[in-house]
Structures are given as structure tokens and as C-alpha cells.
Amino acid sequence: MIAGRHALVTGGGSGVGRAIALALAGAGVAVTICGRREEALNEVASQSDRIVGIAADVTDETAMAALYEKAEAERGPIDIVVANAGMAGSAPAAKTTLADWQKTLQVNLTGAFLTVKPALEGMAERRAGRIVFIASTAGLKGYAYVAPYVAAKHGVVGLMRALAAETAKTGVTVNAVCPGFVETDMLEESVARIVEKTDRTPDEARASLTRTNPQGRLIQPEEVAETVLWLCSSAAGSVTGQAISVSGGETW
């Protein structure tokens, strides 16, 4: 049972983060979502009285510390952290600028670290807690033309394993969920980039992404959310340090 706990979900205003926030709220969890777009946060919060949105940038350490202070003062200690915020671009590695490289790592990797860092000491002292990173199959294998994203997500999986080793004796579990291509706005951005840079139609671009999944379909956000719910439950108390692929058999 996870009802009555307090969860933080970053990138909670859309896509996978939105699905996770709604699933946790549906299980009786008080959910604080964060992101940079207040309008999107408010829309998700309007779906459940258990969800509250706070605008914050995961790459800003001061902003994340302030978010924790506000959320915990109003709703109690954060028991569950889902580090979901992320972004991706696309370019051949030789044409990737240093600025694009740094931005991608800052959001996806440094942002993940700054999301969970404020929770670590309190969880260890309470000898309970769940940390879930939303990584990607890009954290388990390579993809062409997204070198910064692949590097960042491999870093997230490594960060998860390091934290799992540190917290193994504290009652805190740390895991990563690694989805394949998920049917979200981010996927639509990928489709648009493929169309822009190739002669393919949107349907052809979408089909090329779908073919990476041996089941021949796109992952749904709710599938990722259900995996997170299980990892946050007491049934997963012995599961830590794991990168769980939700990809129809693309990786394992």
C-alpha cells in the first residue's frame, strides 16, 4: 500500500510524468508535480485534488531546494521521488554543438541528480523511501544521431546504481524505468525532426520508430506509470539497483 505517502514527480505537466502523477494520485498518494510551465501543471492538478503543481527548473539547485522546502512544509516529507524531467535533440555527433551537449546533460543527468539529492538524507533517516528515475532504452543501448541523450541516459542508469549501492541498508530503494519509444509529445517532436531531415512522411517516420519495438507498437505512458507504481509498492521492497526495460523486448 502506498496510500498516504507524498510523492514528487518532475516533468509532471505532460506525457509520462502526467501519467505517473495521475496513477500515484489514483492510488491515494499526495503528489507534488513540477515543471517549468505553470499552465500545464495546473491542467494536471485540475484532474485530482491530490495533485499540486509547483513551477521549478530541475537544473537549478536553489530552485529544487526551495521546491522541497515548500512541498514538505505543506504536505509532509517526500517519500517517493520520480525523476522524470527530460529533453532530447537530434544531430550527427560531429555536428553537435558543445552548447547542445551541455544542455542535454544538464537537463537529463544533472537535473535528475538535483531532483533526488534533497531527499536522500531524510529518506535514510526515516529508513524508508522510493526513488525512481525515468531513463530510457537509450540508457541501455546506443542510438544514432542522439549522442548527448544516450550519454545522459547511460549516466542516469549509472547514477541510479550508485545510489542503490549507497542506500541498500537503509530501507530506501532506487531503480530506473527504461521505456522504448512512448506515445507522447516528445515522440511527436522526434517524428517532426525525422520528417524535416529526411524525405519520409510523418506516417513513415512514426513507423520507423515503431519498428524498434519487437511487438510492433509504441509504449503507452500508462504502462510506464504502472511500472513506477509497482516499484513504489511494498511488493518491490527487495528490488533496487535495477534498470527495468519497458520496450516490448527491444532491450533486456
C-alpha atoms as a PDB file:
ATOM      1  CA  MET A   1       0.000   0.000   0.000  1.00  0.00           C
ATOM      2  CA  ILE A   2       1.285   3.449  -0.883  1.00  0.00           C
ATOM      3  CA  ALA A   3      -1.790   5.487   0.027  1.00  0.00           C
ATOM      4  CA  GLY A   4      -0.996   8.418   2.300  1.00  0.00           C
ATOM      5  CA  ARG A   5       2.542   8.912   1.073  1.00  0.00           C
ATOM      6  CA  HIS A   6       3.898  12.083  -0.523  1.00  0.00           C
ATOM      7  CA  ALA A   7       5.489  11.869  -3.978  1.00  0.00           C
ATOM      8  CA  LEU A   8       7.414  14.328  -6.130  1.00  0.00           C
ATOM      9  CA  VAL A   9       7.197  13.868  -9.905  1.00  0.00           C
ATOM     10  CA  THR A  10       9.315  16.120 -12.110  1.00  0.00           C
ATOM     11  CA  GLY A  11       8.224  16.851 -15.644  1.00  0.00           C
ATOM     12  CA  GLY A  12       4.720  16.208 -14.358  1.00  0.00           C
ATOM     13  CA  GLY A  13       2.901  18.529 -16.723  1.00  0.00           C
ATOM     14  CA  SER A  14       2.781  16.230 -19.743  1.00  0.00           C
ATOM     15  CA  GLY A  15       3.480  12.810 -21.198  1.00  0.00           C
ATOM     16  CA  VAL A  16       4.913  10.128 -18.957  1.00  0.00           C
ATOM     17  CA  GLY A  17       5.143  12.463 -15.952  1.00  0.00           C
ATOM     18  CA  ARG A  18       1.468  13.314 -16.240  1.00  0.00           C
ATOM     19  CA  ALA A  19       0.526   9.631 -16.396  1.00  0.00           C
ATOM     20  CA  ILE A  20       2.690   8.834 -13.360  1.00  0.00           C
ATOM     21  CA  ALA A  21       1.214  11.695 -11.335  1.00  0.00           C
ATOM     22  CA  LEU A  22      -2.341  10.624 -12.105  1.00  0.00           C
ATOM     23  CA  ALA A  23      -1.585   6.973 -11.327  1.00  0.00           C
ATOM     24  CA  LEU A  24       0.004   7.829  -7.974  1.00  0.00           C
ATOM     25  CA  ALA A  25      -2.879  10.142  -7.081  1.00  0.00           C
ATOM     26  CA  GLY A  26      -5.313   7.388  -8.018  1.00  0.00           C
ATOM     27  CA  ALA A  27      -3.517   5.122  -5.536  1.00  0.00           C
ATOM     28  CA  GLY A  28      -4.085   7.626  -2.725  1.00  0.00           C
ATOM     29  CA  VAL A  29      -0.722   9.384  -2.833  1.00  0.00           C
ATOM     30  CA  ALA A  30      -0.329  13.138  -2.304  1.00  0.00           C
ATOM     31  CA  VAL A  31       1.541  14.182  -5.442  1.00  0.00           C
ATOM     32  CA  THR A  32       3.625  17.300  -5.991  1.00  0.00           C
ATOM     33  CA  ILE A  33       4.448  17.831  -9.641  1.00  0.00           C
ATOM     34  CA  CYS A  34       6.970  20.273 -11.008  1.00  0.00           C
ATOM     35  CA  GLY A  35       7.944  21.668 -14.365  1.00  0.00           C
ATOM     36  CA  ARG A  36       8.616  24.986 -15.996  1.00  0.00           C
ATOM     37  CA  ARG A  37       5.149  25.563 -17.491  1.00  0.00           C
ATOM     38  CA  GLU A  38       2.592  26.554 -14.861  1.00  0.00           C
ATOM     39  CA  GLU A  39      -0.340  26.203 -17.262  1.00  0.00           C
ATOM     40  CA  ALA A  40       0.490  22.550 -17.922  1.00  0.00           C
ATOM     41  CA  LEU A  41       0.976  21.851 -14.211  1.00  0.00           C
ATOM     42  CA  ASN A  42      -2.359  23.448 -13.411  1.00  0.00           C
ATOM     43  CA  GLU A  43      -4.123  21.330 -16.018  1.00  0.00           C
ATOM     44  CA  VAL A  44      -2.794  18.118 -14.476  1.00  0.00           C
ATOM     45  CA  ALA A  45      -3.552  19.321 -10.944  1.00  0.00           C
ATOM     46  CA  SER A  46      -7.147  20.011 -12.006  1.00  0.00           C
ATOM     47  CA  GLN A  47      -7.579  16.275 -12.617  1.00  0.00           C
ATOM     48  CA  SER A  48      -7.169  15.333  -8.931  1.00  0.00           C
ATOM     49  CA  ASP A  49      -7.365  17.096  -5.587  1.00  0.00           C
ATOM     50  CA  ARG A  50      -4.330  15.044  -4.527  1.00  0.00           C
ATOM     51  CA  ILE A  51      -2.059  16.773  -7.085  1.00  0.00           C
ATOM     52  CA  VAL A  52      -0.383  20.135  -6.501  1.00  0.00           C
ATOM     53  CA  GLY A  53       1.870  21.835  -9.036  1.00  0.00           C
ATOM     54  CA  ILE A  54       4.958  23.926  -8.245  1.00  0.00           C
ATOM     55  CA  ALA A  55       6.910  25.545 -11.069  1.00  0.00           C
ATOM     56  CA  ALA A  56      10.637  24.798 -10.824  1.00  0.00           C
ATOM     57  CA  ASP A  57      13.627  24.170 -13.070  1.00  0.00           C
ATOM     58  CA  VAL A  58      15.336  20.852 -12.285  1.00  0.00           C
ATOM     59  CA  THR A  59      18.693  22.242 -13.402  1.00  0.00           C
ATOM     60  CA  ASP A  60      18.593  24.953 -10.713  1.00  0.00           C
ATOM     61  CA  GLU A  61      19.811  23.630  -7.347  1.00  0.00           C
ATOM     62  CA  THR A  62      18.386  26.579  -5.430  1.00  0.00           C
ATOM     63  CA  ALA A  63      15.004  26.196  -7.091  1.00  0.00           C
ATOM     64  CA  MET A  64      14.852  22.489  -6.279  1.00  0.00           C
ATOM     65  CA  ALA A  65      15.795  23.106  -2.653  1.00  0.00           C
ATOM     66  CA  ALA A  66      13.034  25.709  -2.434  1.00  0.00           C
ATOM     67  CA  LEU A  67      10.556  23.288  -4.005  1.00  0.00           C
ATOM     68  CA  TYR A  68      11.333  20.658  -1.358  1.00  0.00           C
ATOM     69  CA  GLU A  69      11.039  23.206   1.435  1.00  0.00           C
ATOM     70  CA  LYS A  70       7.640  24.399   0.240  1.00  0.00           C
ATOM     71  CA  ALA A  71       6.233  20.972  -0.613  1.00  0.00           C
ATOM     72  CA  GLU A  72       7.348  19.338   2.639  1.00  0.00           C
ATOM     73  CA  ALA A  73       6.189  22.258   4.778  1.00  0.00           C
ATOM     74  CA  GLU A  74       2.723  21.993   3.272  1.00  0.00           C
ATOM     75  CA  ARG A  75       2.346  18.226   2.776  1.00  0.00           C
ATOM     76  CA  GLY A  76       4.957  16.441   4.884  1.00  0.00           C
ATOM     77  CA  PRO A  77       8.178  14.611   3.989  1.00  0.00           C
ATOM     78  CA  ILE A  78       8.576  13.388   0.437  1.00  0.00           C
ATOM     79  CA  ASP A  79       8.528   9.585   0.489  1.00  0.00           C
ATOM     80  CA  ILE A  80       8.682   8.945  -3.265  1.00  0.00           C
ATOM     81  CA  VAL A  81      10.752  10.769  -5.879  1.00  0.00           C
ATOM     82  CA  VAL A  82      10.204  10.169  -9.585  1.00  0.00           C
ATOM     83  CA  ALA A  83      12.892  11.958 -11.597  1.00  0.00           C
ATOM     84  CA  ASN A  84      11.190  12.165 -14.965  1.00  0.00           C
ATOM     85  CA  ALA A  85      12.042  15.563 -16.473  1.00  0.00           C
ATOM     86  CA  GLY A  86      13.989  15.330 -19.708  1.00  0.00           C
ATOM     87  CA  MET A  87      14.579  16.588 -23.211  1.00  0.00           C
ATOM     88  CA  ALA A  88      16.134  15.337 -26.436  1.00  0.00           C
ATOM     89  CA  GLY A  89      17.512  16.768 -29.665  1.00  0.00           C
ATOM     90  CA  SER A  90      18.885  15.142 -32.779  1.00  0.00           C
ATOM     91  CA  ALA A  91      22.042  15.716 -34.821  1.00  0.00           C
ATOM     92  CA  PRO A  92      25.062  13.743 -36.012  1.00  0.00           C
ATOM     93  CA  ALA A  93      27.689  13.702 -33.282  1.00  0.00           C
ATOM     94  CA  ALA A  94      30.137  15.617 -35.469  1.00  0.00           C
ATOM     95  CA  LYS A  95      27.611  18.435 -35.823  1.00  0.00           C
ATOM     96  CA  THR A  96      26.504  18.519 -32.186  1.00  0.00           C
ATOM     97  CA  THR A  97      27.477  21.815 -30.593  1.00  0.00           C
ATOM     98  CA  LEU A  98      29.008  21.992 -27.149  1.00  0.00           C
ATOM     99  CA  ALA A  99      26.014  24.061 -26.036  1.00  0.00           C
ATOM    100  CA  ASP A 100      23.576  21.351 -27.156  1.00  0.00           C
ATOM    101  CA  TRP A 101      25.699  18.668 -25.482  1.00  0.00           C
ATOM    102  CA  GLN A 102      25.819  20.579 -22.207  1.00  0.00           C
ATOM    103  CA  LYS A 103      22.098  21.421 -22.230  1.00  0.00           C
ATOM    104  CA  THR A 104      21.100  17.797 -22.821  1.00  0.00           C
ATOM    105  CA  LEU A 105      23.300  16.523 -19.978  1.00  0.00           C
ATOM    106  CA  GLN A 106      22.236  19.348 -17.708  1.00  0.00           C
ATOM    107  CA  VAL A 107      18.524  18.586 -18.052  1.00  0.00           C
ATOM    108  CA  ASN A 108      18.619  14.801 -18.236  1.00  0.00           C
ATOM    109  CA  LEU A 109      21.509  13.917 -15.910  1.00  0.00           C
ATOM    110  CA  THR A 110      22.321  16.862 -13.661  1.00  0.00           C
ATOM    111  CA  GLY A 111      18.602  17.588 -13.340  1.00  0.00           C
ATOM    112  CA  ALA A 112      17.989  14.004 -12.225  1.00  0.00           C
ATOM    113  CA  PHE A 113      20.705  14.318  -9.570  1.00  0.00           C
ATOM    114  CA  LEU A 114      19.392  17.645  -8.287  1.00  0.00           C
ATOM    115  CA  THR A 115      15.885  16.164  -8.157  1.00  0.00           C
ATOM    116  CA  VAL A 116      16.816  13.339  -5.797  1.00  0.00           C
ATOM    117  CA  LYS A 117      19.676  14.864  -3.779  1.00  0.00           C
ATOM    118  CA  PRO A 118      17.444  16.778  -1.300  1.00  0.00           C
ATOM    119  CA  ALA A 119      15.529  13.584  -0.469  1.00  0.00           C
ATOM    120  CA  LEU A 120      18.435  11.295   0.321  1.00  0.00           C
ATOM    121  CA  GLU A 121      19.286  12.185   3.914  1.00  0.00           C
ATOM    122  CA  GLY A 122      15.676  12.333   5.080  1.00  0.00           C
ATOM    123  CA  MET A 123      14.792   9.014   3.470  1.00  0.00           C
ATOM    124  CA  ALA A 124      17.841   7.361   5.031  1.00  0.00           C
ATOM    125  CA  GLU A 125      16.994   8.758   8.471  1.00  0.00           C
ATOM    126  CA  ARG A 126      13.389   7.522   8.158  1.00  0.00           C
ATOM    127  CA  ARG A 127      14.707   4.229   6.763  1.00  0.00           C
ATOM    128  CA  ALA A 128      12.096   4.285   4.017  1.00  0.00           C
ATOM    129  CA  GLY A 129      11.711   5.752   0.576  1.00  0.00           C
ATOM    130  CA  ARG A 130      11.399   5.086  -3.115  1.00  0.00           C
ATOM    131  CA  ILE A 131      13.442   6.756  -5.842  1.00  0.00           C
ATOM    132  CA  VAL A 132      12.619   6.041  -9.476  1.00  0.00           C
ATOM    133  CA  PHE A 133      14.492   7.522 -12.401  1.00  0.00           C
ATOM    134  CA  ILE A 134      12.711   7.569 -15.743  1.00  0.00           C
ATOM    135  CA  ALA A 135      15.624   6.762 -18.024  1.00  0.00           C
ATOM    136  CA  SER A 136      15.182   5.232 -21.483  1.00  0.00           C
ATOM    137  CA  THR A 137      16.286   2.313 -23.592  1.00  0.00           C
ATOM    138  CA  ALA A 138      18.880   4.931 -24.620  1.00  0.00           C
ATOM    139  CA  GLY A 139      20.380   4.258 -21.188  1.00  0.00           C
ATOM    140  CA  LEU A 140      20.859   0.607 -22.135  1.00  0.00           C
ATOM    141  CA  LYS A 141      21.941   0.756 -25.799  1.00  0.00           C
ATOM    142  CA  GLY A 142      23.110   3.221 -28.423  1.00  0.00           C
ATOM    143  CA  TYR A 143      21.024   5.115 -30.960  1.00  0.00           C
ATOM    144  CA  ALA A 144      22.432   7.098 -33.875  1.00  0.00           C
ATOM    145  CA  TYR A 145      22.147  10.898 -34.011  1.00  0.00           C
ATOM    146  CA  VAL A 146      21.301  11.381 -30.316  1.00  0.00           C
ATOM    147  CA  ALA A 147      24.740  11.004 -28.722  1.00  0.00           C
ATOM    148  CA  PRO A 148      24.166  13.553 -25.913  1.00  0.00           C
ATOM    149  CA  TYR A 149      20.844  11.954 -24.967  1.00  0.00           C
ATOM    150  CA  VAL A 150      22.321   8.449 -24.978  1.00  0.00           C
ATOM    151  CA  ALA A 151      25.259   9.613 -22.865  1.00  0.00           C
ATOM    152  CA  ALA A 152      22.951  11.365 -20.413  1.00  0.00           C
ATOM    153  CA  LYS A 153      20.612   8.408 -20.012  1.00  0.00           C
ATOM    154  CA  HIS A 154      23.522   5.994 -19.544  1.00  0.00           C
ATOM    155  CA  GLY A 155      24.626   8.425 -16.839  1.00  0.00           C
ATOM    156  CA  VAL A 156      21.202   8.272 -15.205  1.00  0.00           C
ATOM    157  CA  VAL A 157      21.384   4.469 -15.066  1.00  0.00           C
ATOM    158  CA  GLY A 158      24.865   4.721 -13.529  1.00  0.00           C
ATOM    159  CA  LEU A 159      23.673   7.294 -11.005  1.00  0.00           C
ATOM    160  CA  MET A 160      20.799   5.004 -10.067  1.00  0.00           C
ATOM    161  CA  ARG A 161      23.145   2.074  -9.468  1.00  0.00           C
ATOM    162  CA  ALA A 162      25.486   4.182  -7.342  1.00  0.00           C
ATOM    163  CA  LEU A 163      22.639   5.463  -5.171  1.00  0.00           C
ATOM    164  CA  ALA A 164      21.183   1.974  -4.846  1.00  0.00           C
ATOM    165  CA  ALA A 165      24.526   0.753  -3.524  1.00  0.00           C
ATOM    166  CA  GLU A 166      24.688   3.655  -1.040  1.00  0.00           C
ATOM    167  CA  THR A 167      21.153   3.171   0.275  1.00  0.00           C
ATOM    168  CA  ALA A 168      20.801  -0.608   0.209  1.00  0.00           C
ATOM    169  CA  LYS A 169      20.905  -0.934   4.010  1.00  0.00           C
ATOM    170  CA  THR A 170      18.582   1.992   4.729  1.00  0.00           C
ATOM    171  CA  GLY A 171      15.227   0.693   3.508  1.00  0.00           C
ATOM    172  CA  VAL A 172      15.354   3.045   0.504  1.00  0.00           C
ATOM    173  CA  THR A 173      15.134   1.553  -2.984  1.00  0.00           C
ATOM    174  CA  VAL A 174      16.491   3.195  -6.120  1.00  0.00           C
ATOM    175  CA  ASN A 175      15.578   1.987  -9.595  1.00  0.00           C
ATOM    176  CA  ALA A 176      15.238   3.163 -13.176  1.00  0.00           C
ATOM    177  CA  VAL A 177      12.466   2.550 -15.671  1.00  0.00           C
ATOM    178  CA  CYS A 178      13.754   2.474 -19.245  1.00  0.00           C
ATOM    179  CA  PRO A 179      10.948   2.869 -21.785  1.00  0.00           C
ATOM    180  CA  GLY A 180      11.288   2.476 -25.518  1.00  0.00           C
ATOM    181  CA  PHE A 181       9.540   4.993 -27.743  1.00  0.00           C
ATOM    182  CA  VAL A 182       6.498   6.231 -25.820  1.00  0.00           C
ATOM    183  CA  GLU A 183       3.477   7.829 -27.464  1.00  0.00           C
ATOM    184  CA  THR A 184       3.911  11.369 -26.094  1.00  0.00           C
ATOM    185  CA  ASP A 185       4.517  14.914 -27.318  1.00  0.00           C
ATOM    186  CA  MET A 186       8.256  14.190 -27.165  1.00  0.00           C
ATOM    187  CA  LEU A 187       7.760  11.378 -29.649  1.00  0.00           C
ATOM    188  CA  GLU A 188       5.859  13.730 -31.945  1.00  0.00           C
ATOM    189  CA  GLU A 189       8.857  16.072 -31.800  1.00  0.00           C
ATOM    190  CA  SER A 190      11.061  13.162 -32.874  1.00  0.00           C
ATOM    191  CA  VAL A 191       8.708  12.429 -35.757  1.00  0.00           C
ATOM    192  CA  ALA A 192       8.839  16.072 -36.816  1.00  0.00           C
ATOM    193  CA  ARG A 193      12.651  16.048 -36.784  1.00  0.00           C
ATOM    194  CA  ILE A 194      12.749  12.908 -38.925  1.00  0.00           C
ATOM    195  CA  VAL A 195      10.340  14.463 -41.431  1.00  0.00           C
ATOM    196  CA  GLU A 196      12.374  17.671 -41.516  1.00  0.00           C
ATOM    197  CA  LYS A 197      15.687  15.931 -42.134  1.00  0.00           C
ATOM    198  CA  THR A 198      14.571  13.121 -44.474  1.00  0.00           C
ATOM    199  CA  ASP A 199      12.144  12.587 -47.322  1.00  0.00           C
ATOM    200  CA  ARG A 200       9.835  10.486 -45.170  1.00  0.00           C
ATOM    201  CA  THR A 201       6.221  11.303 -44.392  1.00  0.00           C
ATOM    202  CA  PRO A 202       5.003  11.571 -40.781  1.00  0.00           C
ATOM    203  CA  ASP A 203       3.450   8.095 -41.054  1.00  0.00           C
ATOM    204  CA  GLU A 204       6.716   6.664 -42.372  1.00  0.00           C
ATOM    205  CA  ALA A 205       8.685   8.382 -39.629  1.00  0.00           C
ATOM    206  CA  ARG A 206       6.330   7.062 -36.964  1.00  0.00           C
ATOM    207  CA  ALA A 207       6.556   3.563 -38.458  1.00  0.00           C
ATOM    208  CA  SER A 208      10.361   3.679 -38.303  1.00  0.00           C
ATOM    209  CA  LEU A 209      10.173   4.334 -34.560  1.00  0.00           C
ATOM    210  CA  THR A 210       7.512   1.685 -34.032  1.00  0.00           C
ATOM    211  CA  ARG A 211       9.688  -0.933 -35.724  1.00  0.00           C
ATOM    212  CA  THR A 212      12.281  -0.661 -32.948  1.00  0.00           C
ATOM    213  CA  ASN A 213       9.771  -2.456 -30.691  1.00  0.00           C
ATOM    214  CA  PRO A 214       9.649  -6.225 -31.410  1.00  0.00           C
ATOM    215  CA  GLN A 215       5.945  -6.114 -30.516  1.00  0.00           C
ATOM    216  CA  GLY A 216       5.462  -3.627 -33.338  1.00  0.00           C
ATOM    217  CA  ARG A 217       3.850  -0.875 -31.278  1.00  0.00           C
ATOM    218  CA  LEU A 218       4.567   2.239 -29.265  1.00  0.00           C
ATOM    219  CA  ILE A 219       4.702   2.148 -25.466  1.00  0.00           C
ATOM    220  CA  GLN A 220       1.816   3.915 -23.742  1.00  0.00           C
ATOM    221  CA  PRO A 221       2.527   6.369 -20.890  1.00  0.00           C
ATOM    222  CA  GLU A 222       0.218   4.400 -18.602  1.00  0.00           C
ATOM    223  CA  GLU A 223       2.437   1.316 -18.977  1.00  0.00           C
ATOM    224  CA  VAL A 224       5.383   3.274 -17.616  1.00  0.00           C
ATOM    225  CA  ALA A 225       3.201   4.641 -14.814  1.00  0.00           C
ATOM    226  CA  GLU A 226       2.086   1.164 -13.748  1.00  0.00           C
ATOM    227  CA  THR A 227       5.718   0.038 -13.566  1.00  0.00           C
ATOM    228  CA  VAL A 228       6.501   3.012 -11.330  1.00  0.00           C
ATOM    229  CA  LEU A 229       3.528   2.183  -9.094  1.00  0.00           C
ATOM    230  CA  TRP A 230       4.834  -1.338  -8.601  1.00  0.00           C
ATOM    231  CA  LEU A 231       8.346  -0.110  -7.789  1.00  0.00           C
ATOM    232  CA  CYS A 232       6.858   2.216  -5.175  1.00  0.00           C
ATOM    233  CA  SER A 233       4.862  -0.557  -3.528  1.00  0.00           C
ATOM    234  CA  SER A 234       5.854  -2.814  -0.638  1.00  0.00           C
ATOM    235  CA  ALA A 235       5.875  -5.724  -3.092  1.00  0.00           C
ATOM    236  CA  ALA A 236       9.040  -4.269  -4.633  1.00  0.00           C
ATOM    237  CA  GLY A 237      10.883  -3.821  -1.346  1.00  0.00           C
ATOM    238  CA  SER A 238      13.693  -6.147  -2.455  1.00  0.00           C
ATOM    239  CA  VAL A 239      14.034  -4.560  -5.894  1.00  0.00           C
ATOM    240  CA  THR A 240      16.803  -1.970  -6.008  1.00  0.00           C
ATOM    241  CA  GLY A 241      19.573  -1.077  -8.424  1.00  0.00           C
ATOM    242  CA  GLN A 242      17.542  -2.299 -11.388  1.00  0.00           C
ATOM    243  CA  ALA A 243      17.089  -0.782 -14.844  1.00  0.00           C
ATOM    244  CA  ILE A 244      13.719  -2.135 -15.943  1.00  0.00           C
ATOM    245  CA  SER A 245      13.163  -2.075 -19.683  1.00  0.00           C
ATOM    246  CA  VAL A 246       9.612  -1.323 -20.815  1.00  0.00           C
ATOM    247  CA  SER A 247      10.195  -1.783 -24.509  1.00  0.00           C
ATOM    248  CA  GLY A 248       8.409  -4.834 -25.875  1.00  0.00           C
ATOM    249  CA  GLY A 249      11.657  -6.808 -25.862  1.00  0.00           C
ATOM    250  CA  GLU A 250      13.887  -4.212 -27.570  1.00  0.00           C
ATOM    251  CA  THR A 251      16.337  -4.387 -24.664  1.00  0.00           C
ATOM    252  CA  TRP A 252      16.687  -6.510 -21.537  1.00  0.00           C
END
